[in-house]
Amino acid sequence: MTPYENIYDRFLSKITDYELKDLIVESLDDAKKQLSKYLRSAIVDFNNCNVDLSLRDDASQSFTVQLSDIEEEILANYMVTHWLKPQILRLENIRKGLGSKDFTVFSGANHLKQLQELKAQLDNDAGKLNLVYYYKM
């Protein structure tokens, strides 16, 4: 068995999100619900896993099979990409509501561009790790 907590720990070590960390302190159940959403999306992305990721028990918050370190790492990396996506979309919505000049003054168009580039790099890194896993197994 592999507890979801293993993957959550890997995910949380990769990000800096004070709101999420505050949520963990305030309401662990709410935080686990949010982390579970990221994990479910990551499971869909990890479509060539040699282990059947549908073999899980959400009540006990664990997979009913043992995941390897690389499988846990791939899931955590995909969780990061799903965590980043809403932040990019939020900035894109701000940009749509403001003129380009206002947006540059207000929040920095470069910030959005950097986030988009970061997401592309994270997607690429997760894909590379997934590819290594595929050929290694």
C-alpha atoms as a PDB file:
ATOM      1  CA  MET A   1       0.000   0.000   0.000  1.00  0.00           C
ATOM      2  CA  THR A   2       1.108   3.530  -0.705  1.00  0.00           C
ATOM      3  CA  PRO A   3      -0.498   6.314   1.315  1.00  0.00           C
ATOM      4  CA  TYR A   4      -1.475   9.458  -0.578  1.00  0.00           C
ATOM      5  CA  GLU A   5       0.544  11.292   2.067  1.00  0.00           C
ATOM      6  CA  ASN A   6       3.773  10.076   0.412  1.00  0.00           C
ATOM      7  CA  ILE A   7       2.817  11.824  -2.809  1.00  0.00           C
ATOM      8  CA  TYR A   8       1.435  14.886  -1.022  1.00  0.00           C
ATOM      9  CA  ASP A   9       4.773  15.298   0.815  1.00  0.00           C
ATOM     10  CA  ARG A  10       6.690  15.147  -2.454  1.00  0.00           C
ATOM     11  CA  PHE A  11       4.288  17.672  -4.009  1.00  0.00           C
ATOM     12  CA  LEU A  12       4.454  20.091  -1.073  1.00  0.00           C
ATOM     13  CA  SER A  13       8.259  20.015  -1.115  1.00  0.00           C
ATOM     14  CA  LYS A  14       8.179  21.308  -4.706  1.00  0.00           C
ATOM     15  CA  ILE A  15       5.958  24.356  -4.196  1.00  0.00           C
ATOM     16  CA  THR A  16       5.753  27.472  -2.095  1.00  0.00           C
ATOM     17  CA  ASP A  17       2.107  28.171  -1.420  1.00  0.00           C
ATOM     18  CA  TYR A  18       1.443  29.879   1.875  1.00  0.00           C
ATOM     19  CA  GLU A  19      -2.332  29.756   1.384  1.00  0.00           C
ATOM     20  CA  LEU A  20      -2.240  25.976   1.005  1.00  0.00           C
ATOM     21  CA  LYS A  21       0.121  25.586   3.960  1.00  0.00           C
ATOM     22  CA  ASP A  22      -2.170  27.794   6.074  1.00  0.00           C
ATOM     23  CA  LEU A  23      -5.104  25.641   4.991  1.00  0.00           C
ATOM     24  CA  ILE A  24      -3.213  22.551   6.155  1.00  0.00           C
ATOM     25  CA  VAL A  25      -2.750  24.145   9.573  1.00  0.00           C
ATOM     26  CA  GLU A  26      -6.349  25.431   9.794  1.00  0.00           C
ATOM     27  CA  SER A  27      -8.231  22.504   8.303  1.00  0.00           C
ATOM     28  CA  LEU A  28      -6.366  19.363   7.374  1.00  0.00           C
ATOM     29  CA  ASP A  29      -9.533  17.831   5.905  1.00  0.00           C
ATOM     30  CA  ASP A  30     -10.048  20.770   3.524  1.00  0.00           C
ATOM     31  CA  ALA A  31      -6.380  20.685   2.543  1.00  0.00           C
ATOM     32  CA  LYS A  32      -6.554  16.957   1.829  1.00  0.00           C
ATOM     33  CA  LYS A  33      -9.626  17.540  -0.353  1.00  0.00           C
ATOM     34  CA  GLN A  34      -7.673  20.060  -2.425  1.00  0.00           C
ATOM     35  CA  LEU A  35      -4.605  17.830  -2.608  1.00  0.00           C
ATOM     36  CA  SER A  36      -6.840  14.938  -3.632  1.00  0.00           C
ATOM     37  CA  LYS A  37      -8.132  16.985  -6.575  1.00  0.00           C
ATOM     38  CA  TYR A  38      -4.585  17.577  -7.770  1.00  0.00           C
ATOM     39  CA  LEU A  39      -3.766  13.887  -7.306  1.00  0.00           C
ATOM     40  CA  ARG A  40      -6.796  12.701  -9.284  1.00  0.00           C
ATOM     41  CA  SER A  41      -5.775  14.961 -12.163  1.00  0.00           C
ATOM     42  CA  ALA A  42      -2.190  13.698 -11.925  1.00  0.00           C
ATOM     43  CA  ILE A  43      -3.421  10.103 -12.118  1.00  0.00           C
ATOM     44  CA  VAL A  44      -5.148  10.887 -15.410  1.00  0.00           C
ATOM     45  CA  ASP A  45      -1.926  12.412 -16.775  1.00  0.00           C
ATOM     46  CA  PHE A  46       0.168   9.390 -15.772  1.00  0.00           C
ATOM     47  CA  ASN A  47      -1.460   7.191 -18.379  1.00  0.00           C
ATOM     48  CA  ASN A  48       1.396   4.752 -18.985  1.00  0.00           C
ATOM     49  CA  CYS A  49       1.923   3.664 -15.395  1.00  0.00           C
ATOM     50  CA  ASN A  50       2.708  -0.037 -15.030  1.00  0.00           C
ATOM     51  CA  VAL A  51       0.685  -0.081 -11.829  1.00  0.00           C
ATOM     52  CA  ASP A  52      -3.089   0.212 -11.992  1.00  0.00           C
ATOM     53  CA  LEU A  53      -3.637   3.586 -10.315  1.00  0.00           C
ATOM     54  CA  SER A  54      -7.380   2.952 -10.100  1.00  0.00           C
ATOM     55  CA  LEU A  55      -6.578   0.475  -7.314  1.00  0.00           C
ATOM     56  CA  ARG A  56      -6.974   2.947  -4.500  1.00  0.00           C
ATOM     57  CA  ASP A  57      -9.082   3.497  -1.430  1.00  0.00           C
ATOM     58  CA  ASP A  58     -10.057   7.129  -0.976  1.00  0.00           C
ATOM     59  CA  ALA A  59     -11.496   6.371   2.475  1.00  0.00           C
ATOM     60  CA  SER A  60      -8.094   5.238   3.758  1.00  0.00           C
ATOM     61  CA  GLN A  61      -6.294   7.792   1.546  1.00  0.00           C
ATOM     62  CA  SER A  62      -4.021   5.200  -0.047  1.00  0.00           C
ATOM     63  CA  PHE A  63      -3.328   3.202  -3.148  1.00  0.00           C
ATOM     64  CA  THR A  64      -3.939  -0.499  -2.567  1.00  0.00           C
ATOM     65  CA  VAL A  65      -0.740  -1.265  -4.479  1.00  0.00           C
ATOM     66  CA  GLN A  66       2.840  -0.302  -3.714  1.00  0.00           C
ATOM     67  CA  LEU A  67       4.141   2.554  -5.870  1.00  0.00           C
ATOM     68  CA  SER A  68       7.843   2.943  -6.584  1.00  0.00           C
ATOM     69  CA  ASP A  69       9.710   6.157  -5.824  1.00  0.00           C
ATOM     70  CA  ILE A  70       9.678   7.151  -9.495  1.00  0.00           C
ATOM     71  CA  GLU A  71       5.908   6.554  -9.740  1.00  0.00           C
ATOM     72  CA  GLU A  72       5.347   8.732  -6.662  1.00  0.00           C
ATOM     73  CA  GLU A  73       7.651  11.401  -8.125  1.00  0.00           C
ATOM     74  CA  ILE A  74       5.849  11.442 -11.468  1.00  0.00           C
ATOM     75  CA  LEU A  75       2.493  11.860  -9.739  1.00  0.00           C
ATOM     76  CA  ALA A  76       3.894  14.690  -7.579  1.00  0.00           C
ATOM     77  CA  ASN A  77       5.278  16.451 -10.668  1.00  0.00           C
ATOM     78  CA  TYR A  78       1.936  16.245 -12.430  1.00  0.00           C
ATOM     79  CA  MET A  79       0.281  17.604  -9.266  1.00  0.00           C
ATOM     80  CA  VAL A  80       2.552  20.651  -9.507  1.00  0.00           C
ATOM     81  CA  THR A  81       1.383  21.365 -13.054  1.00  0.00           C
ATOM     82  CA  HIS A  82      -2.257  21.172 -11.934  1.00  0.00           C
ATOM     83  CA  TRP A  83      -1.536  23.422  -8.952  1.00  0.00           C
ATOM     84  CA  LEU A  84       0.050  26.034 -11.242  1.00  0.00           C
ATOM     85  CA  LYS A  85      -2.705  26.059 -13.877  1.00  0.00           C
ATOM     86  CA  PRO A  86      -5.310  28.021 -11.834  1.00  0.00           C
ATOM     87  CA  GLN A  87      -2.725  30.660 -10.974  1.00  0.00           C
ATOM     88  CA  ILE A  88      -1.988  31.233 -14.650  1.00  0.00           C
ATOM     89  CA  LEU A  89      -5.676  31.324 -15.513  1.00  0.00           C
ATOM     90  CA  ARG A  90      -6.307  33.837 -12.723  1.00  0.00           C
ATOM     91  CA  LEU A  91      -3.658  36.182 -14.169  1.00  0.00           C
ATOM     92  CA  GLU A  92      -5.044  35.719 -17.681  1.00  0.00           C
ATOM     93  CA  ASN A  93      -8.469  36.827 -16.403  1.00  0.00           C
ATOM     94  CA  ILE A  94      -6.935  39.954 -14.877  1.00  0.00           C
ATOM     95  CA  ARG A  95      -5.178  40.659 -18.148  1.00  0.00           C
ATOM     96  CA  LYS A  96      -8.446  40.369 -20.125  1.00  0.00           C
ATOM     97  CA  GLY A  97     -10.141  42.900 -17.858  1.00  0.00           C
ATOM     98  CA  LEU A  98      -7.432  45.500 -18.215  1.00  0.00           C
ATOM     99  CA  GLY A  99      -5.853  47.144 -21.196  1.00  0.00           C
ATOM    100  CA  SER A 100      -2.347  46.034 -22.042  1.00  0.00           C
ATOM    101  CA  LYS A 101      -0.872  49.259 -20.636  1.00  0.00           C
ATOM    102  CA  ASP A 102      -2.858  48.913 -17.394  1.00  0.00           C
ATOM    103  CA  PHE A 103      -1.938  45.270 -17.085  1.00  0.00           C
ATOM    104  CA  THR A 104       1.756  46.035 -17.400  1.00  0.00           C
ATOM    105  CA  VAL A 105       1.527  48.679 -14.690  1.00  0.00           C
ATOM    106  CA  PHE A 106      -0.811  46.625 -12.465  1.00  0.00           C
ATOM    107  CA  SER A 107       0.760  43.187 -12.288  1.00  0.00           C
ATOM    108  CA  GLY A 108       3.466  42.860 -14.862  1.00  0.00           C
ATOM    109  CA  ALA A 109       2.766  40.998 -18.057  1.00  0.00           C
ATOM    110  CA  ASN A 110       6.173  39.430 -17.602  1.00  0.00           C
ATOM    111  CA  HIS A 111       4.917  37.642 -14.499  1.00  0.00           C
ATOM    112  CA  LEU A 112       2.215  35.869 -16.492  1.00  0.00           C
ATOM    113  CA  LYS A 113       4.682  35.036 -19.232  1.00  0.00           C
ATOM    114  CA  GLN A 114       7.108  33.612 -16.683  1.00  0.00           C
ATOM    115  CA  LEU A 115       4.361  31.495 -15.114  1.00  0.00           C
ATOM    116  CA  GLN A 116       3.353  30.171 -18.518  1.00  0.00           C
ATOM    117  CA  GLU A 117       6.976  29.330 -19.315  1.00  0.00           C
ATOM    118  CA  LEU A 118       7.338  27.682 -15.907  1.00  0.00           C
ATOM    119  CA  LYS A 119       4.269  25.543 -16.532  1.00  0.00           C
ATOM    120  CA  ALA A 120       5.586  24.523 -19.939  1.00  0.00           C
ATOM    121  CA  GLN A 121       8.910  23.571 -18.331  1.00  0.00           C
ATOM    122  CA  LEU A 122       7.149  21.627 -15.557  1.00  0.00           C
ATOM    123  CA  ASP A 123       5.033  19.792 -18.135  1.00  0.00           C
ATOM    124  CA  ASN A 124       8.204  19.008 -20.065  1.00  0.00           C
ATOM    125  CA  ASP A 125      10.017  17.776 -16.938  1.00  0.00           C
ATOM    126  CA  ALA A 126       7.088  15.570 -15.926  1.00  0.00           C
ATOM    127  CA  GLY A 127       6.898  14.216 -19.465  1.00  0.00           C
ATOM    128  CA  LYS A 128      10.623  13.417 -19.502  1.00  0.00           C
ATOM    129  CA  LEU A 129      10.381  11.578 -16.204  1.00  0.00           C
ATOM    130  CA  ASN A 130       7.355   9.715 -17.513  1.00  0.00           C
ATOM    131  CA  LEU A 131       9.309   8.770 -20.650  1.00  0.00           C
ATOM    132  CA  VAL A 132      12.265   7.509 -18.613  1.00  0.00           C
ATOM    133  CA  TYR A 133       9.839   5.469 -16.524  1.00  0.00           C
ATOM    134  CA  TYR A 134       8.178   4.039 -19.636  1.00  0.00           C
ATOM    135  CA  TYR A 135      11.422   2.840 -21.191  1.00  0.00           C
ATOM    136  CA  LYS A 136      12.911   1.659 -17.911  1.00  0.00           C
ATOM    137  CA  MET A 137       9.967  -0.518 -16.956  1.00  0.00           C
END
